[in-house]
């Protein structure tokens, strides 16, 4: 989508993969029946052809994973980026 912006590899940074993601979250302690209902509706939405087409126009691709898979993914991302922040010595100003 940004042909004039170099990839990380083209910029000389090898082995770095950065992906963006968005997801729906509910407050801790939300009853399972409500989480299940929200998940079912989100799966329907993510499979809707108009929804898929709209997001594809921004090079985004909906994935209707399970709530458990999304939690696992977020935990992995937090661990990965926490390590990057610590290793690089990044600090908030």
PDB file of N, CA and C in Angstrom:
ATOM      1  N   UNK A   1       0.814  -1.206   0.000  1.00  0.00           N
ATOM      2  CA  UNK A   1       0.000   0.000   0.000  1.00  0.00           C
ATOM      3  C   UNK A   1       0.851   1.261   0.000  1.00  0.00           C
ATOM      4  N   UNK A   2       2.094   1.156   0.427  1.00  0.00           N
ATOM      5  CA  UNK A   2       2.997   2.307   0.447  1.00  0.00           C
ATOM      6  C   UNK A   2       4.253   1.963  -0.350  1.00  0.00           C
ATOM      7  N   UNK A   3       4.173   2.041  -1.671  1.00  0.00           N
ATOM      8  CA  UNK A   3       5.264   1.563  -2.512  1.00  0.00           C
ATOM      9  C   UNK A   3       6.586   2.306  -2.318  1.00  0.00           C
ATOM     10  N   UNK A   4       6.556   3.542  -1.845  1.00  0.00           N
ATOM     11  CA  UNK A   4       7.793   4.310  -1.676  1.00  0.00           C
ATOM     12  C   UNK A   4       8.398   4.175  -0.286  1.00  0.00           C
ATOM     13  N   UNK A   5       7.758   3.413   0.580  1.00  0.00           N
ATOM     14  CA  UNK A   5       8.284   3.178   1.925  1.00  0.00           C
ATOM     15  C   UNK A   5       8.989   1.824   1.919  1.00  0.00           C
ATOM     16  N   UNK A   6      10.266   1.812   2.289  1.00  0.00           N
ATOM     17  CA  UNK A   6      10.985   0.537   2.259  1.00  0.00           C
ATOM     18  C   UNK A   6      10.485  -0.421   3.334  1.00  0.00           C
ATOM     19  N   UNK A   7      10.591  -1.698   3.041  1.00  0.00           N
ATOM     20  CA  UNK A   7      10.290  -2.712   4.049  1.00  0.00           C
ATOM     21  C   UNK A   7      11.392  -2.667   5.101  1.00  0.00           C
ATOM     22  N   UNK A   8      11.181  -3.344   6.217  1.00  0.00           N
ATOM     23  CA  UNK A   8      12.217  -3.399   7.247  1.00  0.00           C
ATOM     24  C   UNK A   8      13.499  -3.994   6.664  1.00  0.00           C
ATOM     25  N   UNK A   9      13.365  -5.069   5.885  1.00  0.00           N
ATOM     26  CA  UNK A   9      14.546  -5.702   5.285  1.00  0.00           C
ATOM     27  C   UNK A   9      15.258  -4.742   4.329  1.00  0.00           C
ATOM     28  N   UNK A  10      14.482  -4.009   3.521  1.00  0.00           N
ATOM     29  CA  UNK A  10      15.081  -3.045   2.594  1.00  0.00           C
ATOM     30  C   UNK A  10      15.773  -1.911   3.331  1.00  0.00           C
ATOM     31  N   UNK A  11      15.316  -1.620   4.542  1.00  0.00           N
ATOM     32  CA  UNK A  11      15.917  -0.564   5.354  1.00  0.00           C
ATOM     33  C   UNK A  11      17.125  -1.088   6.140  1.00  0.00           C
ATOM     34  N   UNK A  12      17.454  -2.377   5.958  1.00  0.00           N
ATOM     35  CA  UNK A  12      18.624  -2.943   6.612  1.00  0.00           C
ATOM     36  C   UNK A  12      18.349  -3.607   7.944  1.00  0.00           C
ATOM     37  N   UNK A  13      17.087  -3.741   8.302  1.00  0.00           N
ATOM     38  CA  UNK A  13      16.725  -4.398   9.559  1.00  0.00           C
ATOM     39  C   UNK A  13      16.180  -5.774   9.210  1.00  0.00           C
ATOM     40  N   UNK A  14      16.969  -6.782   9.438  1.00  0.00           N
ATOM     41  CA  UNK A  14      16.604  -8.151   9.065  1.00  0.00           C
ATOM     42  C   UNK A  14      15.913  -8.866  10.224  1.00  0.00           C
ATOM     43  N   UNK A  15      15.041  -9.798   9.891  1.00  0.00           N
ATOM     44  CA  UNK A  15      14.416 -10.652  10.894  1.00  0.00           C
ATOM     45  C   UNK A  15      13.320 -10.007  11.714  1.00  0.00           C
ATOM     46  N   UNK A  16      12.857  -8.841  11.312  1.00  0.00           N
ATOM     47  CA  UNK A  16      11.801  -8.166  12.060  1.00  0.00           C
ATOM     48  C   UNK A  16      10.491  -8.300  11.304  1.00  0.00           C
ATOM     49  N   UNK A  17       9.494  -8.791  11.982  1.00  0.00           N
ATOM     50  CA  UNK A  17       8.161  -8.900  11.399  1.00  0.00           C
ATOM     51  C   UNK A  17       7.214  -8.123  12.304  1.00  0.00           C
ATOM     52  N   UNK A  18       6.570  -7.142  11.736  1.00  0.00           N
ATOM     53  CA  UNK A  18       5.624  -6.322  12.493  1.00  0.00           C
ATOM     54  C   UNK A  18       4.272  -6.426  11.812  1.00  0.00           C
ATOM     55  N   UNK A  19       3.279  -6.829  12.558  1.00  0.00           N
ATOM     56  CA  UNK A  19       1.925  -6.882  12.021  1.00  0.00           C
ATOM     57  C   UNK A  19       1.008  -6.105  12.950  1.00  0.00           C
ATOM     58  N   UNK A  20       0.074  -5.444  12.367  1.00  0.00           N
ATOM     59  CA  UNK A  20      -0.929  -4.755  13.161  1.00  0.00           C
ATOM     60  C   UNK A  20      -2.117  -5.671  13.365  1.00  0.00           C
ATOM     61  N   UNK A  21      -2.852  -5.404  14.413  1.00  0.00           N
ATOM     62  CA  UNK A  21      -4.058  -6.194  14.631  1.00  0.00           C
ATOM     63  C   UNK A  21      -5.065  -5.356  15.386  1.00  0.00           C
ATOM     64  N   UNK A  22      -6.284  -5.745  15.275  1.00  0.00           N
ATOM     65  CA  UNK A  22      -7.370  -5.115  16.032  1.00  0.00           C
ATOM     66  C   UNK A  22      -8.277  -6.236  16.496  1.00  0.00           C
ATOM     67  N   UNK A  23      -8.897  -6.027  17.583  1.00  0.00           N
ATOM     68  CA  UNK A  23      -9.788  -7.052  18.095  1.00  0.00           C
ATOM     69  C   UNK A  23     -10.825  -6.454  19.017  1.00  0.00           C
ATOM     70  N   UNK A  24     -11.796  -7.241  19.318  1.00  0.00           N
ATOM     71  CA  UNK A  24     -12.843  -6.833  20.248  1.00  0.00           C
ATOM     72  C   UNK A  24     -12.527  -7.406  21.619  1.00  0.00           C
ATOM     73  N   UNK A  25     -12.639  -6.584  22.632  1.00  0.00           N
ATOM     74  CA  UNK A  25     -12.380  -7.011  23.999  1.00  0.00           C
ATOM     75  C   UNK A  25     -13.598  -6.719  24.855  1.00  0.00           C
ATOM     76  N   UNK A  26     -13.764  -7.497  25.891  1.00  0.00           N
ATOM     77  CA  UNK A  26     -14.841  -7.281  26.865  1.00  0.00           C
ATOM     78  C   UNK A  26     -14.183  -7.184  28.239  1.00  0.00           C
ATOM     79  N   UNK A  27     -14.832  -6.541  29.172  1.00  0.00           N
ATOM     80  CA  UNK A  27     -14.251  -6.424  30.507  1.00  0.00           C
ATOM     81  C   UNK A  27     -14.024  -7.795  31.148  1.00  0.00           C
ATOM     82  N   UNK A  28     -12.989  -7.880  31.984  1.00  0.00           N
ATOM     83  CA  UNK A  28     -12.734  -9.118  32.730  1.00  0.00           C
ATOM     84  C   UNK A  28     -13.991  -9.479  33.505  1.00  0.00           C
ATOM     85  N   UNK A  29     -14.276 -10.756  33.547  1.00  0.00           N
ATOM     86  CA  UNK A  29     -15.442 -11.213  34.295  1.00  0.00           C
ATOM     87  C   UNK A  29     -16.746 -11.201  33.511  1.00  0.00           C
ATOM     88  N   UNK A  30     -16.680 -10.823  32.221  1.00  0.00           N
ATOM     89  CA  UNK A  30     -17.891 -10.855  31.405  1.00  0.00           C
ATOM     90  C   UNK A  30     -18.377 -12.300  31.336  1.00  0.00           C
ATOM     91  N   UNK A  31     -19.661 -12.534  31.589  1.00  0.00           N
ATOM     92  CA  UNK A  31     -20.183 -13.906  31.567  1.00  0.00           C
ATOM     93  C   UNK A  31     -19.894 -14.611  30.234  1.00  0.00           C
ATOM     94  N   UNK A  32     -19.576 -15.890  30.319  1.00  0.00           N
ATOM     95  CA  UNK A  32     -19.231 -16.680  29.139  1.00  0.00           C
ATOM     96  C   UNK A  32     -20.332 -16.646  28.080  1.00  0.00           C
ATOM     97  N   UNK A  33     -21.591 -16.647  28.490  1.00  0.00           N
ATOM     98  CA  UNK A  33     -22.683 -16.623  27.506  1.00  0.00           C
ATOM     99  C   UNK A  33     -22.635 -15.340  26.675  1.00  0.00           C
ATOM    100  N   UNK A  34     -22.221 -14.235  27.289  1.00  0.00           N
ATOM    101  CA  UNK A  34     -22.131 -12.967  26.555  1.00  0.00           C
ATOM    102  C   UNK A  34     -20.907 -12.985  25.633  1.00  0.00           C
ATOM    103  N   UNK A  35     -19.780 -13.490  26.132  1.00  0.00           N
ATOM    104  CA  UNK A  35     -18.580 -13.613  25.297  1.00  0.00           C
ATOM    105  C   UNK A  35     -18.878 -14.509  24.096  1.00  0.00           C
ATOM    106  N   UNK A  36     -19.574 -15.611  24.329  1.00  0.00           N
ATOM    107  CA  UNK A  36     -19.920 -16.536  23.239  1.00  0.00           C
ATOM    108  C   UNK A  36     -20.813 -15.868  22.211  1.00  0.00           C
ATOM    109  N   UNK A  37     -21.764 -15.101  22.662  1.00  0.00           N
ATOM    110  CA  UNK A  37     -22.673 -14.401  21.736  1.00  0.00           C
ATOM    111  C   UNK A  37     -21.925 -13.351  20.925  1.00  0.00           C
ATOM    112  N   UNK A  38     -21.080 -12.566  21.611  1.00  0.00           N
ATOM    113  CA  UNK A  38     -20.285 -11.563  20.899  1.00  0.00           C
ATOM    114  C   UNK A  38     -19.390 -12.239  19.860  1.00  0.00           C
ATOM    115  N   UNK A  39     -18.765 -13.344  20.253  1.00  0.00           N
ATOM    116  CA  UNK A  39     -17.890 -14.062  19.325  1.00  0.00           C
ATOM    117  C   UNK A  39     -18.668 -14.531  18.100  1.00  0.00           C
ATOM    118  N   UNK A  40     -19.837 -15.093  18.310  1.00  0.00           N
ATOM    119  CA  UNK A  40     -20.654 -15.576  17.184  1.00  0.00           C
ATOM    120  C   UNK A  40     -20.997 -14.437  16.223  1.00  0.00           C
ATOM    121  N   UNK A  41     -21.335 -13.286  16.757  1.00  0.00           N
ATOM    122  CA  UNK A  41     -21.684 -12.139  15.905  1.00  0.00           C
ATOM    123  C   UNK A  41     -20.454 -11.598  15.173  1.00  0.00           C
ATOM    124  N   UNK A  42     -19.311 -11.596  15.848  1.00  0.00           N
ATOM    125  CA  UNK A  42     -18.073 -11.123  15.218  1.00  0.00           C
ATOM    126  C   UNK A  42     -17.655 -12.062  14.092  1.00  0.00           C
ATOM    127  N   UNK A  43     -17.812 -13.370  14.296  1.00  0.00           N
ATOM    128  CA  UNK A  43     -17.504 -14.340  13.236  1.00  0.00           C
ATOM    129  C   UNK A  43     -18.383 -14.070  12.021  1.00  0.00           C
ATOM    130  N   UNK A  44     -19.659 -13.840  12.243  1.00  0.00           N
ATOM    131  CA  UNK A  44     -20.573 -13.531  11.119  1.00  0.00           C
ATOM    132  C   UNK A  44     -20.103 -12.282  10.382  1.00  0.00           C
ATOM    133  N   UNK A  45     -19.776 -11.251  11.145  1.00  0.00           N
ATOM    134  CA  UNK A  45     -19.345  -9.987  10.555  1.00  0.00           C
ATOM    135  C   UNK A  45     -18.058 -10.186   9.743  1.00  0.00           C
ATOM    136  N   UNK A  46     -17.110 -10.938  10.289  1.00  0.00           N
ATOM    137  CA  UNK A  46     -15.820 -11.128   9.629  1.00  0.00           C
ATOM    138  C   UNK A  46     -15.941 -11.940   8.340  1.00  0.00           C
ATOM    139  N   UNK A  47     -17.049 -12.637   8.168  1.00  0.00           N
ATOM    140  CA  UNK A  47     -17.271 -13.425   6.953  1.00  0.00           C
ATOM    141  C   UNK A  47     -18.170 -12.717   5.949  1.00  0.00           C
ATOM    142  N   UNK A  48     -18.714 -11.584   6.328  1.00  0.00           N
ATOM    143  CA  UNK A  48     -19.600 -10.848   5.436  1.00  0.00           C
ATOM    144  C   UNK A  48     -18.793 -10.320   4.243  1.00  0.00           C
ATOM    145  N   UNK A  49     -19.211 -10.627   3.022  1.00  0.00           N
ATOM    146  CA  UNK A  49     -18.437 -10.217   1.836  1.00  0.00           C
ATOM    147  C   UNK A  49     -18.181  -8.712   1.744  1.00  0.00           C
ATOM    148  N   UNK A  50     -19.147  -7.894   2.113  1.00  0.00           N
ATOM    149  CA  UNK A  50     -18.946  -6.442   2.059  1.00  0.00           C
ATOM    150  C   UNK A  50     -17.911  -5.993   3.089  1.00  0.00           C
ATOM    151  N   UNK A  51     -17.961  -6.581   4.268  1.00  0.00           N
ATOM    152  CA  UNK A  51     -16.993  -6.278   5.321  1.00  0.00           C
ATOM    153  C   UNK A  51     -15.589  -6.669   4.861  1.00  0.00           C
ATOM    154  N   UNK A  52     -15.460  -7.877   4.328  1.00  0.00           N
ATOM    155  CA  UNK A  52     -14.166  -8.375   3.852  1.00  0.00           C
ATOM    156  C   UNK A  52     -13.637  -7.477   2.739  1.00  0.00           C
ATOM    157  N   UNK A  53     -14.493  -7.102   1.804  1.00  0.00           N
ATOM    158  CA  UNK A  53     -14.079  -6.247   0.682  1.00  0.00           C
ATOM    159  C   UNK A  53     -13.616  -4.883   1.179  1.00  0.00           C
ATOM    160  N   UNK A  54     -14.350  -4.295   2.104  1.00  0.00           N
ATOM    161  CA  UNK A  54     -13.987  -2.985   2.641  1.00  0.00           C
ATOM    162  C   UNK A  54     -12.601  -3.046   3.287  1.00  0.00           C
ATOM    163  N   UNK A  55     -12.373  -4.013   4.143  1.00  0.00           N
ATOM    164  CA  UNK A  55     -11.087  -4.102   4.826  1.00  0.00           C
ATOM    165  C   UNK A  55      -9.964  -4.488   3.878  1.00  0.00           C
ATOM    166  N   UNK A  56     -10.269  -5.284   2.867  1.00  0.00           N
ATOM    167  CA  UNK A  56      -9.249  -5.647   1.870  1.00  0.00           C
ATOM    168  C   UNK A  56      -8.761  -4.413   1.132  1.00  0.00           C
ATOM    169  N   UNK A  57      -9.622  -3.411   0.965  1.00  0.00           N
ATOM    170  CA  UNK A  57      -9.213  -2.183   0.283  1.00  0.00           C
ATOM    171  C   UNK A  57      -8.143  -1.437   1.078  1.00  0.00           C
ATOM    172  N   UNK A  58      -7.988  -1.753   2.355  1.00  0.00           N
ATOM    173  CA  UNK A  58      -6.931  -1.189   3.206  1.00  0.00           C
ATOM    174  C   UNK A  58      -5.844  -2.222   3.501  1.00  0.00           C
ATOM    175  N   UNK A  59      -5.820  -3.286   2.703  1.00  0.00           N
ATOM    176  CA  UNK A  59      -4.883  -4.400   2.858  1.00  0.00           C
ATOM    177  C   UNK A  59      -4.983  -5.034   4.243  1.00  0.00           C
ATOM    178  N   UNK A  60      -6.204  -5.111   4.733  1.00  0.00           N
ATOM    179  CA  UNK A  60      -6.479  -5.753   6.013  1.00  0.00           C
ATOM    180  C   UNK A  60      -7.328  -6.986   5.750  1.00  0.00           C
ATOM    181  N   UNK A  61      -7.103  -8.036   6.545  1.00  0.00           N
ATOM    182  CA  UNK A  61      -7.774  -9.302   6.302  1.00  0.00           C
ATOM    183  C   UNK A  61      -8.367  -9.827   7.605  1.00  0.00           C
ATOM    184  N   UNK A  62      -9.689  -9.788   7.739  1.00  0.00           N
ATOM    185  CA  UNK A  62     -10.329 -10.256   8.967  1.00  0.00           C
ATOM    186  C   UNK A  62     -10.048 -11.730   9.247  1.00  0.00           C
ATOM    187  N   UNK A  63      -9.767 -12.018  10.496  1.00  0.00           N
ATOM    188  CA  UNK A  63      -9.574 -13.391  10.957  1.00  0.00           C
ATOM    189  C   UNK A  63     -10.521 -13.599  12.129  1.00  0.00           C
ATOM    190  N   UNK A  64     -11.377 -14.561  12.026  1.00  0.00           N
ATOM    191  CA  UNK A  64     -12.336 -14.830  13.098  1.00  0.00           C
ATOM    192  C   UNK A  64     -11.817 -15.983  13.950  1.00  0.00           C
ATOM    193  N   UNK A  65     -10.814 -15.682  14.766  1.00  0.00           N
ATOM    194  CA  UNK A  65     -10.275 -16.725  15.629  1.00  0.00           C
ATOM    195  C   UNK A  65     -11.168 -16.889  16.854  1.00  0.00           C
ATOM    196  N   UNK A  66     -10.780 -17.772  17.729  1.00  0.00           N
ATOM    197  CA  UNK A  66     -11.531 -17.964  18.971  1.00  0.00           C
ATOM    198  C   UNK A  66     -11.070 -16.944  20.005  1.00  0.00           C
ATOM    199  N   UNK A  67     -11.884 -16.681  21.024  1.00  0.00           N
ATOM    200  CA  UNK A  67     -11.429 -15.792  22.095  1.00  0.00           C
ATOM    201  C   UNK A  67     -10.122 -16.288  22.719  1.00  0.00           C
ATOM    202  N   UNK A  68      -9.988 -17.588  22.889  1.00  0.00           N
ATOM    203  CA  UNK A  68      -8.779 -18.156  23.488  1.00  0.00           C
ATOM    204  C   UNK A  68      -7.553 -17.918  22.593  1.00  0.00           C
ATOM    205  N   UNK A  69      -7.726 -18.075  21.294  1.00  0.00           N
ATOM    206  CA  UNK A  69      -6.616 -17.862  20.357  1.00  0.00           C
ATOM    207  C   UNK A  69      -6.197 -16.397  20.349  1.00  0.00           C
ATOM    208  N   UNK A  70      -7.163 -15.491  20.465  1.00  0.00           N
ATOM    209  CA  UNK A  70      -6.839 -14.065  20.476  1.00  0.00           C
ATOM    210  C   UNK A  70      -6.091 -13.688  21.748  1.00  0.00           C
ATOM    211  N   UNK A  71      -6.506 -14.232  22.885  1.00  0.00           N
ATOM    212  CA  UNK A  71      -5.797 -13.983  24.145  1.00  0.00           C
ATOM    213  C   UNK A  71      -4.361 -14.491  24.030  1.00  0.00           C
ATOM    214  N   UNK A  72      -4.186 -15.684  23.474  1.00  0.00           N
ATOM    215  CA  UNK A  72      -2.840 -16.251  23.300  1.00  0.00           C
ATOM    216  C   UNK A  72      -1.999 -15.343  22.417  1.00  0.00           C
ATOM    217  N   UNK A  73      -2.565 -14.880  21.309  1.00  0.00           N
ATOM    218  CA  UNK A  73      -1.851 -13.994  20.389  1.00  0.00           C
ATOM    219  C   UNK A  73      -1.442 -12.700  21.089  1.00  0.00           C
ATOM    220  N   UNK A  74      -2.361 -12.094  21.829  1.00  0.00           N
ATOM    221  CA  UNK A  74      -2.040 -10.848  22.527  1.00  0.00           C
ATOM    222  C   UNK A  74      -0.934 -11.061  23.552  1.00  0.00           C
ATOM    223  N   UNK A  75      -0.978 -12.176  24.283  1.00  0.00           N
ATOM    224  CA  UNK A  75       0.079 -12.465  25.262  1.00  0.00           C
ATOM    225  C   UNK A  75       1.439 -12.616  24.573  1.00  0.00           C
ATOM    226  N   UNK A  76       1.457 -13.285  23.441  1.00  0.00           N
ATOM    227  CA  UNK A  76       2.708 -13.447  22.688  1.00  0.00           C
ATOM    228  C   UNK A  76       3.238 -12.093  22.206  1.00  0.00           C
ATOM    229  N   UNK A  77       2.353 -11.247  21.708  1.00  0.00           N
ATOM    230  CA  UNK A  77       2.759  -9.922  21.248  1.00  0.00           C
ATOM    231  C   UNK A  77       3.291  -9.072  22.404  1.00  0.00           C
ATOM    232  N   UNK A  78       2.611  -9.120  23.540  1.00  0.00           N
ATOM    233  CA  UNK A  78       3.071  -8.360  24.713  1.00  0.00           C
ATOM    234  C   UNK A  78       4.462  -8.828  25.129  1.00  0.00           C
ATOM    235  N   UNK A  79       4.675 -10.137  25.159  1.00  0.00           N
ATOM    236  CA  UNK A  79       5.986 -10.674  25.533  1.00  0.00           C
ATOM    237  C   UNK A  79       7.058 -10.240  24.528  1.00  0.00           C
ATOM    238  N   UNK A  80       6.741 -10.345  23.235  1.00  0.00           N
ATOM    239  CA  UNK A  80       7.709  -9.984  22.195  1.00  0.00           C
ATOM    240  C   UNK A  80       8.099  -8.516  22.298  1.00  0.00           C
ATOM    241  N   UNK A  81       7.104  -7.635  22.371  1.00  0.00           N
ATOM    242  CA  UNK A  81       7.399  -6.205  22.370  1.00  0.00           C
ATOM    243  C   UNK A  81       7.937  -5.723  23.704  1.00  0.00           C
ATOM    244  N   UNK A  82       7.597  -6.394  24.789  1.00  0.00           N
ATOM    245  CA  UNK A  82       8.207  -6.070  26.084  1.00  0.00           C
ATOM    246  C   UNK A  82       9.700  -6.332  26.019  1.00  0.00           C
ATOM    247  N   UNK A  83      10.078  -7.448  25.390  1.00  0.00           N
ATOM    248  CA  UNK A  83      11.482  -7.782  25.222  1.00  0.00           C
ATOM    249  C   UNK A  83      12.194  -6.754  24.346  1.00  0.00           C
ATOM    250  N   UNK A  84      11.562  -6.338  23.264  1.00  0.00           N
ATOM    251  CA  UNK A  84      12.158  -5.327  22.372  1.00  0.00           C
ATOM    252  C   UNK A  84      12.365  -4.029  23.149  1.00  0.00           C
ATOM    253  N   UNK A  85      11.378  -3.611  23.892  1.00  0.00           N
ATOM    254  CA  UNK A  85      11.463  -2.367  24.662  1.00  0.00           C
ATOM    255  C   UNK A  85      12.586  -2.440  25.701  1.00  0.00           C
ATOM    256  N   UNK A  86      12.650  -3.551  26.415  1.00  0.00           N
ATOM    257  CA  UNK A  86      13.686  -3.727  27.439  1.00  0.00           C
ATOM    258  C   UNK A  86      15.070  -3.773  26.807  1.00  0.00           C
ATOM    259  N   UNK A  87      15.223  -4.587  25.766  1.00  0.00           N
ATOM    260  CA  UNK A  87      16.519  -4.745  25.091  1.00  0.00           C
ATOM    261  C   UNK A  87      17.004  -3.437  24.509  1.00  0.00           C
ATOM    262  N   UNK A  88      16.094  -2.674  23.925  1.00  0.00           N
ATOM    263  CA  UNK A  88      16.469  -1.410  23.291  1.00  0.00           C
ATOM    264  C   UNK A  88      16.598  -0.266  24.298  1.00  0.00           C
ATOM    265  N   UNK A  89      16.174  -0.500  25.529  1.00  0.00           N
ATOM    266  CA  UNK A  89      16.247   0.550  26.541  1.00  0.00           C
ATOM    267  C   UNK A  89      15.276   1.691  26.288  1.00  0.00           C
ATOM    268  N   UNK A  90      14.165   1.373  25.686  1.00  0.00           N
ATOM    269  CA  UNK A  90      13.173   2.401  25.366  1.00  0.00           C
ATOM    270  C   UNK A  90      12.488   2.856  26.658  1.00  0.00           C
ATOM    271  N   UNK A  91      12.359   4.154  26.810  1.00  0.00           N
ATOM    272  CA  UNK A  91      11.736   4.742  27.993  1.00  0.00           C
ATOM    273  C   UNK A  91      10.734   5.811  27.582  1.00  0.00           C
ATOM    274  N   UNK A  92       9.676   5.938  28.336  1.00  0.00           N
ATOM    275  CA  UNK A  92       8.722   7.028  28.119  1.00  0.00           C
ATOM    276  C   UNK A  92       9.320   8.328  28.633  1.00  0.00           C
ATOM    277  N   UNK A  93       9.091   9.390  27.954  1.00  0.00           N
ATOM    278  CA  UNK A  93       9.599  10.705  28.388  1.00  0.00           C
ATOM    279  C   UNK A  93       8.524  11.471  29.114  1.00  0.00           C
TER     280      UNK A  93
END
